[in-house]
C-alpha atoms as a PDB file:
ATOM      1  CA  MET A   1       0.000   0.000   0.000  1.00  0.00           C
ATOM      2  CA  SER A   2       2.878   2.368   0.614  1.00  0.00           C
ATOM      3  CA  TYR A   3       3.690   2.030  -3.075  1.00  0.00           C
ATOM      4  CA  TRP A   4       0.242   3.263  -4.136  1.00  0.00           C
ATOM      5  CA  VAL A   5       0.286   6.079  -1.597  1.00  0.00           C
ATOM      6  CA  GLU A   6       3.651   7.231  -2.941  1.00  0.00           C
ATOM      7  CA  GLU A   7       2.351   7.047  -6.504  1.00  0.00           C
ATOM      8  CA  ALA A   8      -0.641   9.204  -5.519  1.00  0.00           C
ATOM      9  CA  LEU A   9       1.489  11.779  -3.727  1.00  0.00           C
ATOM     10  CA  ARG A  10       3.872  11.981  -6.677  1.00  0.00           C
ATOM     11  CA  GLY A  11       0.915  12.310  -9.064  1.00  0.00           C
ATOM     12  CA  SER A  12       2.043   9.437 -11.272  1.00  0.00           C
ATOM     13  CA  TYR A  13       0.042   8.151 -14.204  1.00  0.00           C
ATOM     14  CA  TRP A  14      -0.660   4.855 -12.405  1.00  0.00           C
ATOM     15  CA  ALA A  15      -2.097   6.618  -9.370  1.00  0.00           C
ATOM     16  CA  GLY A  16      -5.303   7.009 -11.383  1.00  0.00           C
ATOM     17  CA  LEU A  17      -6.134   3.305 -11.207  1.00  0.00           C
ATOM     18  CA  ASP A  18      -9.137   2.538  -9.033  1.00  0.00           C
ATOM     19  CA  TRP A  19      -8.960   0.629  -5.745  1.00  0.00           C
ATOM     20  CA  GLU A  20      -9.920  -2.644  -7.406  1.00  0.00           C
ATOM     21  CA  GLN A  21      -7.269  -2.350 -10.117  1.00  0.00           C
ATOM     22  CA  LYS A  22      -4.735  -1.782  -7.358  1.00  0.00           C
ATOM     23  CA  GLY A  23      -5.925  -4.976  -5.650  1.00  0.00           C
ATOM     24  CA  MET A  24      -7.014  -3.260  -2.445  1.00  0.00           C
ATOM     25  CA  SER A  25      -9.549  -4.438   0.082  1.00  0.00           C
ATOM     26  CA  ASN A  26     -12.021  -2.056   1.713  1.00  0.00           C
ATOM     27  CA  GLY A  27      -9.731  -1.624   4.698  1.00  0.00           C
ATOM     28  CA  GLN A  28      -6.664  -1.056   2.573  1.00  0.00           C
ATOM     29  CA  TYR A  29      -8.494   1.551   0.511  1.00  0.00           C
ATOM     30  CA  ALA A  30      -9.514   3.409   3.666  1.00  0.00           C
ATOM     31  CA  ILE A  31      -5.910   3.377   4.895  1.00  0.00           C
ATOM     32  CA  HIS A  32      -4.706   4.520   1.472  1.00  0.00           C
ATOM     33  CA  GLU A  33      -7.076   7.480   1.468  1.00  0.00           C
ATOM     34  CA  GLU A  34      -6.119   8.447   5.034  1.00  0.00           C
ATOM     35  CA  ALA A  35      -2.408   8.275   4.227  1.00  0.00           C
ATOM     36  CA  VAL A  36      -2.764  10.268   0.998  1.00  0.00           C
ATOM     37  CA  ALA A  37      -4.731  12.993   2.795  1.00  0.00           C
ATOM     38  CA  ALA A  38      -2.169  13.170   5.607  1.00  0.00           C
ATOM     39  CA  GLY A  39       0.681  13.188   3.096  1.00  0.00           C
ATOM     40  CA  ARG A  40      -0.852  16.026   1.086  1.00  0.00           C
ATOM     41  CA  ALA A  41      -1.326  18.103   4.220  1.00  0.00           C
ATOM     42  CA  GLU A  42       2.282  17.442   5.246  1.00  0.00           C
ATOM     43  CA  GLU A  43       3.541  18.284   1.768  1.00  0.00           C
ATOM     44  CA  ARG A  44       1.997  21.751   1.943  1.00  0.00           C
ATOM     45  CA  THR A  45       4.069  22.637   5.007  1.00  0.00           C
ATOM     46  CA  ALA A  46       7.155  20.407   4.880  1.00  0.00           C
ATOM     47  CA  GLY A  47       7.628  19.234   1.283  1.00  0.00           C
ATOM     48  CA  LEU A  48       7.258  15.978  -0.594  1.00  0.00           C
ATOM     49  CA  ASP A  49      10.046  14.033   1.139  1.00  0.00           C
ATOM     50  CA  LYS A  50       8.502  14.609   4.574  1.00  0.00           C
ATOM     51  CA  ALA A  51       5.056  13.816   3.174  1.00  0.00           C
ATOM     52  CA  LEU A  52       6.289  10.473   1.866  1.00  0.00           C
ATOM     53  CA  GLU A  53       7.917   9.651   5.200  1.00  0.00           C
ATOM     54  CA  LEU A  54       4.750  10.490   7.136  1.00  0.00           C
ATOM     55  CA  ALA A  55       2.519   8.533   4.767  1.00  0.00           C
ATOM     56  CA  ASP A  56       4.793   5.487   4.917  1.00  0.00           C
ATOM     57  CA  ARG A  57       4.749   5.502   8.732  1.00  0.00           C
ATOM     58  CA  LEU A  58       0.973   5.920   8.776  1.00  0.00           C
ATOM     59  CA  VAL A  59       0.415   3.025   6.360  1.00  0.00           C
ATOM     60  CA  ALA A  60       2.674   0.756   8.425  1.00  0.00           C
ATOM     61  CA  LEU A  61       0.896   1.710  11.653  1.00  0.00           C
ATOM     62  CA  ARG A  62      -2.624   1.277  10.282  1.00  0.00           C
ATOM     63  CA  CYS A  63      -1.805  -2.020   8.571  1.00  0.00           C
ATOM     64  CA  GLU A  64      -0.307  -3.354  11.787  1.00  0.00           C
ATOM     65  CA  GLU A  65      -3.362  -2.239  13.774  1.00  0.00           C
ATOM     66  CA  GLN A  66      -5.689  -3.961  11.328  1.00  0.00           C
ATOM     67  CA  GLY A  67      -3.696  -7.099  10.595  1.00  0.00           C
ATOM     68  CA  GLY A  68      -3.001  -6.010   7.033  1.00  0.00           C
ATOM     69  CA  ALA A  69      -6.579  -4.820   6.424  1.00  0.00           C
ATOM     70  CA  ILE A  70      -7.099  -7.618   3.932  1.00  0.00           C
ATOM     71  CA  TRP A  71     -10.748  -8.472   4.541  1.00  0.00           C
ATOM     72  CA  SER A  72     -13.173  -8.835   1.639  1.00  0.00           C
ATOM     73  CA  SER A  73     -14.055  -6.069  -0.762  1.00  0.00           C
ATOM     74  CA  GLU A  74     -17.417  -7.497  -1.771  1.00  0.00           C
ATOM     75  CA  ASN A  75     -19.291  -4.832   0.196  1.00  0.00           C
ATOM     76  CA  TRP A  76     -17.145  -1.942  -0.930  1.00  0.00           C
ATOM     77  CA  ARG A  77     -18.782   1.444  -0.939  1.00  0.00           C
ATOM     78  CA  PRO A  78     -17.334   4.797  -1.944  1.00  0.00           C
ATOM     79  CA  PRO A  79     -16.008   6.952   0.884  1.00  0.00           C
ATOM     80  CA  SER A  80     -18.311   9.614   2.228  1.00  0.00           C
ATOM     81  CA  PRO A  81     -17.594  13.109   0.894  1.00  0.00           C
ATOM     82  CA  ALA A  82     -14.972  15.012   2.887  1.00  0.00           C
ATOM     83  CA  GLY A  83     -16.260  18.065   4.636  1.00  0.00           C
END
């Protein structure tokens, strides 16, 4: 997941794939979105390198907390709109 978060933060072509094409579960997608949002906020104040470091730590922490977050994606639903 850190790979996809980095791709998103760098704005790569492949970052545009959807969650299913990236092989993510519901839990992994939620972690991905959280890490990308945190990374973008960090990038605004500290630059891309610090954003990547923060996002990588966050992904590792969340994946550890959720045992890899690999449960089924059959009930996937889009995230609620950010406020």
